[in-house]
């Protein structure tokens, strides 16, 4: 949720292009739905 908020803010302030923000939000949503996926701050 924190990463989504950060992406939304970056988009609103013109720091992130709309198409890149869309891709980022899709990836974040996929991570949240995946059971056993990395938790906040974790990578694989």
Protein backbone atom coordinates (compact mmCIF):
# COMPACT_ATOMS: atom_id res chain seq x y z
CA UNK A 1 0.00 0.00 0.00
CA UNK A 2 2.87 2.33 0.78
CA UNK A 3 4.47 1.80 -2.64
CA UNK A 4 1.13 2.45 -4.35
CA UNK A 5 0.74 5.72 -2.44
CA UNK A 6 4.26 6.75 -3.39
CA UNK A 7 3.58 5.97 -7.07
CA UNK A 8 0.34 7.97 -6.94
CA UNK A 9 2.14 10.96 -5.43
CA UNK A 10 4.99 10.77 -7.93
CA UNK A 11 2.45 10.70 -10.76
CA UNK A 12 0.53 13.65 -9.31
CA UNK A 13 3.73 15.72 -9.05
CA UNK A 14 4.86 14.89 -12.57
CA UNK A 15 7.81 12.77 -11.44
CA UNK A 16 6.50 9.59 -13.04
CA UNK A 17 5.05 9.21 -16.53
CA UNK A 18 1.47 7.91 -16.66
CA UNK A 19 2.32 4.79 -18.66
CA UNK A 20 5.13 3.88 -16.26
CA UNK A 21 2.87 4.49 -13.27
CA UNK A 22 0.28 2.16 -14.79
CA UNK A 23 2.89 -0.59 -15.24
CA UNK A 24 4.16 -0.09 -11.70
CA UNK A 25 0.68 -0.29 -10.19
CA UNK A 26 -0.04 -3.52 -12.12
CA UNK A 27 3.15 -5.09 -10.77
CA UNK A 28 2.34 -3.97 -7.23
CA UNK A 29 -1.17 -5.39 -7.49
CA UNK A 30 0.20 -8.72 -8.73
CA UNK A 31 2.61 -8.89 -5.77
CA UNK A 32 -0.20 -8.26 -3.28
CA UNK A 33 -2.33 -11.07 -4.76
CA UNK A 34 0.44 -13.65 -4.85
CA UNK A 35 0.42 -15.88 -1.75
CA UNK A 36 3.86 -16.33 -0.26
CA UNK A 37 5.16 -13.34 -2.16
CA UNK A 38 7.79 -11.10 -0.63
CA UNK A 39 6.68 -8.92 2.22
CA UNK A 40 7.33 -5.19 2.52
CA UNK A 41 10.98 -4.46 1.84
CA UNK A 42 11.78 -8.03 0.78
CA UNK A 43 13.08 -9.12 -2.60
CA UNK A 44 13.49 -12.50 -4.23
